[in-house]
PDB file of N, CA and C in Angstrom:
ATOM      1  N   MET A   1     185.150 -15.474  90.105  1.00  0.00           N
ATOM      2  CA  MET A   1     184.885 -16.698  91.255  1.00  0.00           C
ATOM      3  C   MET A   1     184.608 -17.538  89.620  1.00  0.00           C
ATOM      4  N   TRP A   2     184.715 -18.408  88.512  1.00  0.00           N
ATOM      5  CA  TRP A   2     184.936 -19.440  88.010  1.00  0.00           C
ATOM      6  C   TRP A   2     186.130 -19.354  88.401  1.00  0.00           C
ATOM      7  N   ASN A   3     187.433 -18.848  88.207  1.00  0.00           N
ATOM      8  CA  ASN A   3     188.684 -19.223  88.752  1.00  0.00           C
ATOM      9  C   ASN A   3     188.985 -20.205  89.951  1.00  0.00           C
ATOM     10  N   LYS A   4     188.074 -19.430  91.129  1.00  0.00           N
ATOM     11  CA  LYS A   4     188.007 -20.113  92.236  1.00  0.00           C
ATOM     12  C   LYS A   4     187.703 -21.556  92.274  1.00  0.00           C
ATOM     13  N   THR A   5     186.383 -21.708  91.184  1.00  0.00           N
ATOM     14  CA  THR A   5     185.950 -23.203  90.955  1.00  0.00           C
ATOM     15  C   THR A   5     186.507 -24.418  91.035  1.00  0.00           C
ATOM     16  N   HIS A   6     185.967 -25.586  91.925  1.00  0.00           N
ATOM     17  CA  HIS A   6     186.885 -26.177  91.646  1.00  0.00           C
ATOM     18  C   HIS A   6     187.292 -26.726  89.921  1.00  0.00           C
ATOM     19  N   PRO A   7     188.652 -27.694  90.068  1.00  0.00           N
ATOM     20  CA  PRO A   7     188.688 -27.633  88.945  1.00  0.00           C
ATOM     21  C   PRO A   7     187.472 -28.771  88.060  1.00  0.00           C
ATOM     22  N   GLY A   8     186.816 -29.789  89.003  1.00  0.00           N
ATOM     23  CA  GLY A   8     186.549 -31.002  88.789  1.00  0.00           C
ATOM     24  C   GLY A   8     184.764 -29.929  87.774  1.00  0.00           C
ATOM     25  N   ILE A   9     184.264 -28.784  88.397  1.00  0.00           N
ATOM     26  CA  ILE A   9     183.257 -28.402  88.550  1.00  0.00           C
ATOM     27  C   ILE A   9     183.586 -27.349  87.173  1.00  0.00           C
ATOM     28  N   ARG A  10     184.760 -27.080  86.322  1.00  0.00           N
ATOM     29  CA  ARG A  10     184.938 -26.409  85.884  1.00  0.00           C
ATOM     30  C   ARG A  10     184.880 -27.565  84.413  1.00  0.00           C
ATOM     31  N   ALA A  11     185.146 -28.325  84.825  1.00  0.00           N
ATOM     32  CA  ALA A  11     185.410 -29.583  83.309  1.00  0.00           C
ATOM     33  C   ALA A  11     183.846 -30.013  82.783  1.00  0.00           C
ATOM     34  N   ASP A  12     182.941 -30.258  84.439  1.00  0.00           N
ATOM     35  CA  ASP A  12     181.975 -30.764  83.807  1.00  0.00           C
ATOM     36  C   ASP A  12     180.756 -29.336  82.642  1.00  0.00           C
ATOM     37  N   ALA A  13     181.488 -28.463  83.927  1.00  0.00           N
ATOM     38  CA  ALA A  13     180.459 -27.055  82.157  1.00  0.00           C
ATOM     39  C   ALA A  13     180.926 -27.366  81.567  1.00  0.00           C
ATOM     40  N   GLN A  14     182.344 -27.735  81.025  1.00  0.00           N
ATOM     41  CA  GLN A  14     182.578 -26.874  79.837  1.00  0.00           C
ATOM     42  C   GLN A  14     182.004 -28.293  78.906  1.00  0.00           C
ATOM     43  N   ARG A  15     182.535 -29.898  79.861  1.00  0.00           N
ATOM     44  CA  ARG A  15     181.411 -30.848  78.632  1.00  0.00           C
ATOM     45  C   ARG A  15     180.102 -30.478  78.653  1.00  0.00           C
ATOM     46  N   ILE A  16     179.313 -29.957  79.369  1.00  0.00           N
ATOM     47  CA  ILE A  16     177.684 -29.604  79.562  1.00  0.00           C
ATOM     48  C   ILE A  16     177.795 -28.290  78.091  1.00  0.00           C
ATOM     49  N   MET A  17     178.449 -27.204  78.211  1.00  0.00           N
ATOM     50  CA  MET A  17     178.894 -26.125  76.738  1.00  0.00           C
ATOM     51  C   MET A  17     179.211 -27.277  75.555  1.00  0.00           C
ATOM     52  N   ASP A  18     179.929 -28.242  75.474  1.00  0.00           N
ATOM     53  CA  ASP A  18     180.485 -28.531  74.262  1.00  0.00           C
ATOM     54  C   ASP A  18     179.479 -29.534  73.615  1.00  0.00           C
ATOM     55  N   PHE A  19     178.450 -30.234  74.439  1.00  0.00           N
ATOM     56  CA  PHE A  19     177.362 -30.743  74.557  1.00  0.00           C
ATOM     57  C   PHE A  19     176.072 -30.289  73.735  1.00  0.00           C
ATOM     58  N   TYR A  20     176.047 -28.593  74.446  1.00  0.00           N
ATOM     59  CA  TYR A  20     174.734 -28.452  73.583  1.00  0.00           C
ATOM     60  C   TYR A  20     175.349 -27.011  72.290  1.00  0.00           C
ATOM     61  N   LYS A  21     176.482 -27.000  72.272  1.00  0.00           N
ATOM     62  CA  LYS A  21     176.689 -26.115  71.355  1.00  0.00           C
ATOM     63  C   LYS A  21     176.945 -27.076  69.995  1.00  0.00           C
ATOM     64  N   GLN A  22     176.572 -28.313  69.999  1.00  0.00           N
ATOM     65  CA  GLN A  22     175.936 -28.880  69.035  1.00  0.00           C
ATOM     66  C   GLN A  22     174.728 -28.667  68.681  1.00  0.00           C
ATOM     67  N   PHE A  23     173.877 -28.350  69.104  1.00  0.00           N
ATOM     68  CA  PHE A  23     172.900 -27.996  68.881  1.00  0.00           C
ATOM     69  C   PHE A  23     172.548 -26.405  68.286  1.00  0.00           C
ATOM     70  N   GLU A  24     173.541 -25.843  68.359  1.00  0.00           N
ATOM     71  CA  GLU A  24     173.517 -24.183  68.444  1.00  0.00           C
ATOM     72  C   GLU A  24     172.977 -24.037  66.916  1.00  0.00           C
ATOM     73  N   GLY A  25     171.900 -22.911  66.122  1.00  0.00           N
ATOM     74  CA  GLY A  25     172.385 -23.462  64.838  1.00  0.00           C
ATOM     75  C   GLY A  25     170.107 -22.464  64.686  1.00  0.00           C
ATOM     76  N   PRO A  26     169.961 -22.434  63.608  1.00  0.00           N
ATOM     77  CA  PRO A  26     168.909 -21.352  62.943  1.00  0.00           C
ATOM     78  C   PRO A  26     167.097 -22.178  63.870  1.00  0.00           C
ATOM     79  N   VAL A  27     167.720 -22.899  64.341  1.00  0.00           N
ATOM     80  CA  VAL A  27     166.124 -23.515  64.964  1.00  0.00           C
ATOM     81  C   VAL A  27     166.590 -23.520  66.536  1.00  0.00           C
ATOM     82  N   ASP A  28     167.628 -23.208  66.943  1.00  0.00           N
ATOM     83  CA  ASP A  28     168.098 -22.795  68.229  1.00  0.00           C
ATOM     84  C   ASP A  28     167.517 -21.273  68.705  1.00  0.00           C
ATOM     85  N   ASP A  29     167.890 -20.815  67.481  1.00  0.00           N
ATOM     86  CA  ASP A  29     167.774 -19.201  67.697  1.00  0.00           C
ATOM     87  C   ASP A  29     166.167 -18.990  67.849  1.00  0.00           C
ATOM     88  N   MET A  30     165.480 -19.764  66.966  1.00  0.00           N
ATOM     89  CA  MET A  30     164.201 -19.524  66.737  1.00  0.00           C
ATOM     90  C   MET A  30     163.192 -20.153  68.018  1.00  0.00           C
ATOM     91  N   SER A  31     163.911 -21.192  68.611  1.00  0.00           N
ATOM     92  CA  SER A  31     163.228 -21.175  69.749  1.00  0.00           C
ATOM     93  C   SER A  31     163.419 -20.848  70.426  1.00  0.00           C
ATOM     94  N   ALA A  32     164.478 -20.100  71.410  1.00  0.00           N
ATOM     95  CA  ALA A  32     164.758 -18.826  72.429  1.00  0.00           C
ATOM     96  C   ALA A  32     163.911 -17.639  71.482  1.00  0.00           C
ATOM     97  N   VAL A  33     163.474 -17.013  70.602  1.00  0.00           N
ATOM     98  CA  VAL A  33     162.616 -16.405  70.808  1.00  0.00           C
ATOM     99  C   VAL A  33     161.357 -16.655  71.158  1.00  0.00           C
ATOM    100  N   PHE A  34     160.873 -18.095  70.536  1.00  0.00           N
ATOM    101  CA  PHE A  34     159.340 -18.413  71.100  1.00  0.00           C
ATOM    102  C   PHE A  34     159.408 -18.764  72.432  1.00  0.00           C
ATOM    103  N   TYR A  35     160.363 -19.209  72.785  1.00  0.00           N
ATOM    104  CA  TYR A  35     160.227 -19.035  74.487  1.00  0.00           C
ATOM    105  C   TYR A  35     160.078 -17.853  75.067  1.00  0.00           C
ATOM    106  N   ASP A  36     161.367 -16.867  74.351  1.00  0.00           N
ATOM    107  CA  ASP A  36     161.304 -15.513  74.750  1.00  0.00           C
ATOM    108  C   ASP A  36     159.499 -15.105  75.419  1.00  0.00           C
ATOM    109  N   SER A  37     159.082 -14.749  74.276  1.00  0.00           N
ATOM    110  CA  SER A  37     157.803 -14.383  73.801  1.00  0.00           C
ATOM    111  C   SER A  37     156.493 -15.190  74.934  1.00  0.00           C
ATOM    112  N   TYR A  38     157.451 -16.771  75.157  1.00  0.00           N
ATOM    113  CA  TYR A  38     155.983 -17.420  75.720  1.00  0.00           C
ATOM    114  C   TYR A  38     156.366 -17.227  77.454  1.00  0.00           C
ATOM    115  N   LEU A  39     157.245 -16.848  77.836  1.00  0.00           N
ATOM    116  CA  LEU A  39     157.434 -16.351  79.214  1.00  0.00           C
ATOM    117  C   LEU A  39     157.282 -14.680  79.195  1.00  0.00           C
ATOM    118  N   LYS A  40     157.574 -13.969  78.625  1.00  0.00           N
ATOM    119  CA  LYS A  40     156.945 -12.728  78.592  1.00  0.00           C
ATOM    120  C   LYS A  40     155.201 -12.875  78.721  1.00  0.00           C
ATOM    121  N   ALA A  41     154.210 -13.857  77.547  1.00  0.00           N
ATOM    122  CA  ALA A  41     153.182 -13.759  78.011  1.00  0.00           C
ATOM    123  C   ALA A  41     152.579 -14.486  79.261  1.00  0.00           C
ATOM    124  N   ASN A  42     153.838 -15.163  80.128  1.00  0.00           N
ATOM    125  CA  ASN A  42     153.225 -15.431  81.207  1.00  0.00           C
ATOM    126  C   ASN A  42     153.216 -15.231  82.553  1.00  0.00           C
ATOM    127  N   ASN A  43     153.885 -13.833  82.171  1.00  0.00           N
ATOM    128  CA  ASN A  43     154.088 -12.742  83.410  1.00  0.00           C
ATOM    129  C   ASN A  43     155.577 -12.522  83.851  1.00  0.00           C
ATOM    130  N   GLN A  44     156.446 -12.860  82.650  1.00  0.00           N
ATOM    131  CA  GLN A  44     158.217 -13.011  82.928  1.00  0.00           C
ATOM    132  C   GLN A  44     158.249 -11.672  82.575  1.00  0.00           C
ATOM    133  N   GLN A  45     158.649 -10.564  82.940  1.00  0.00           N
ATOM    134  CA  GLN A  45     158.586  -9.361  82.610  1.00  0.00           C
ATOM    135  C   GLN A  45     159.786  -9.612  81.434  1.00  0.00           C
ATOM    136  N   HIS A  46     160.977  -9.938  82.145  1.00  0.00           N
ATOM    137  CA  HIS A  46     161.917  -9.966  81.179  1.00  0.00           C
ATOM    138  C   HIS A  46     162.147 -11.330  80.407  1.00  0.00           C
ATOM    139  N   GLY A  47     161.351 -11.972  80.183  1.00  0.00           N
ATOM    140  CA  GLY A  47     161.832 -13.185  79.619  1.00  0.00           C
ATOM    141  C   GLY A  47     163.395 -14.152  79.603  1.00  0.00           C
ATOM    142  N   ILE A  48     163.820 -14.374  78.780  1.00  0.00           N
ATOM    143  CA  ILE A  48     165.004 -15.381  78.750  1.00  0.00           C
ATOM    144  C   ILE A  48     165.276 -14.302  80.162  1.00  0.00           C
ATOM    145  N   ARG A  49     166.215 -13.260  79.594  1.00  0.00           N
ATOM    146  CA  ARG A  49     167.043 -12.504  80.442  1.00  0.00           C
ATOM    147  C   ARG A  49     166.666 -12.665  81.807  1.00  0.00           C
ATOM    148  N   SER A  50     165.278 -13.290  82.415  1.00  0.00           N
ATOM    149  CA  SER A  50     165.385 -13.180  83.696  1.00  0.00           C
ATOM    150  C   SER A  50     165.913 -14.568  84.497  1.00  0.00           C
ATOM    151  N   TYR A  51     166.775 -15.203  83.295  1.00  0.00           N
ATOM    152  CA  TYR A  51     167.251 -16.826  84.054  1.00  0.00           C
ATOM    153  C   TYR A  51     168.772 -15.961  84.365  1.00  0.00           C
ATOM    154  N   SER A  52     169.194 -14.739  83.985  1.00  0.00           N
ATOM    155  CA  SER A  52     170.700 -14.376  83.859  1.00  0.00           C
ATOM    156  C   SER A  52     170.749 -13.219  84.828  1.00  0.00           C
ATOM    157  N   GLU A  53     169.578 -13.209  85.417  1.00  0.00           N
ATOM    158  CA  GLU A  53     169.249 -12.385  86.692  1.00  0.00           C
ATOM    159  C   GLU A  53     168.945 -13.594  87.336  1.00  0.00           C
ATOM    160  N   VAL A  54     168.999 -14.511  87.617  1.00  0.00           N
ATOM    161  CA  VAL A  54     168.665 -15.222  88.535  1.00  0.00           C
ATOM    162  C   VAL A  54     170.192 -15.321  89.383  1.00  0.00           C
ATOM    163  N   ILE A  55     170.873 -15.850  88.088  1.00  0.00           N
ATOM    164  CA  ILE A  55     172.454 -16.350  88.137  1.00  0.00           C
ATOM    165  C   ILE A  55     173.006 -15.151  89.104  1.00  0.00           C
ATOM    166  N   GLY A  56     172.958 -13.983  88.542  1.00  0.00           N
ATOM    167  CA  GLY A  56     174.076 -12.754  89.008  1.00  0.00           C
ATOM    168  C   GLY A  56     173.461 -12.936  90.374  1.00  0.00           C
ATOM    169  N   TRP A  57     171.872 -12.874  90.805  1.00  0.00           N
ATOM    170  CA  TRP A  57     171.422 -12.402  92.181  1.00  0.00           C
ATOM    171  C   TRP A  57     172.488 -14.074  92.829  1.00  0.00           C
ATOM    172  N   LEU A  58     172.221 -15.099  92.399  1.00  0.00           N
ATOM    173  CA  LEU A  58     172.576 -15.993  93.276  1.00  0.00           C
ATOM    174  C   LEU A  58     174.444 -15.783  93.317  1.00  0.00           C
ATOM    175  N   MET A  59     175.289 -15.112  92.061  1.00  0.00           N
ATOM    176  CA  MET A  59     176.345 -15.071  92.722  1.00  0.00           C
ATOM    177  C   MET A  59     177.088 -13.765  93.607  1.00  0.00           C
ATOM    178  N   ASP A  60     175.982 -12.773  93.578  1.00  0.00           N
ATOM    179  CA  ASP A  60     176.017 -12.211  94.513  1.00  0.00           C
ATOM    180  C   ASP A  60     175.934 -12.632  95.438  1.00  0.00           C
ATOM    181  N   TYR A  61     175.004 -13.404  96.246  1.00  0.00           N
ATOM    182  CA  TYR A  61     174.725 -14.269  97.353  1.00  0.00           C
ATOM    183  C   TYR A  61     175.777 -14.632  97.759  1.00  0.00           C
ATOM    184  N   TYR A  62     176.553 -15.404  96.820  1.00  0.00           N
ATOM    185  CA  TYR A  62     177.939 -16.481  97.220  1.00  0.00           C
ATOM    186  C   TYR A  62     178.799 -15.049  97.553  1.00  0.00           C
ATOM    187  N   ARG A  63     179.405 -13.867  96.853  1.00  0.00           N
ATOM    188  CA  ARG A  63     179.797 -13.211  96.928  1.00  0.00           C
ATOM    189  C   ARG A  63     180.030 -12.610  98.532  1.00  0.00           C
ATOM    190  N   ILE A  64     178.753 -12.368  98.617  1.00  0.00           N
ATOM    191  CA  ILE A  64     178.344 -11.829 100.067  1.00  0.00           C
ATOM    192  C   ILE A  64     178.818 -12.601 101.366  1.00  0.00           C
ATOM    193  N   LYS A  65     177.823 -13.789 101.081  1.00  0.00           N
ATOM    194  CA  LYS A  65     177.918 -14.936 101.918  1.00  0.00           C
ATOM    195  C   LYS A  65     179.359 -15.053 102.458  1.00  0.00           C
ATOM    196  N   GLY A  66     180.204 -15.495 101.387  1.00  0.00           N
ATOM    197  CA  GLY A  66     181.701 -15.409 101.256  1.00  0.00           C
ATOM    198  C   GLY A  66     182.571 -16.432 101.244  1.00  0.00           C
TER     199      GLY A  66
END
């Protein structure tokens, strides 16, 4: 699916990943743990993983839709 994406979109995605890479580290790890706990405490059973699930659903939707 990624290879079928328009080159401009891939370039934008790479710029976004490069931007956020500068913020990776121990504080990022701790905030992920905190946010995961927050989501689970607010009835998001899978916490942060729920975001990945939504992306999977969208990919399936567009794969089936054509």
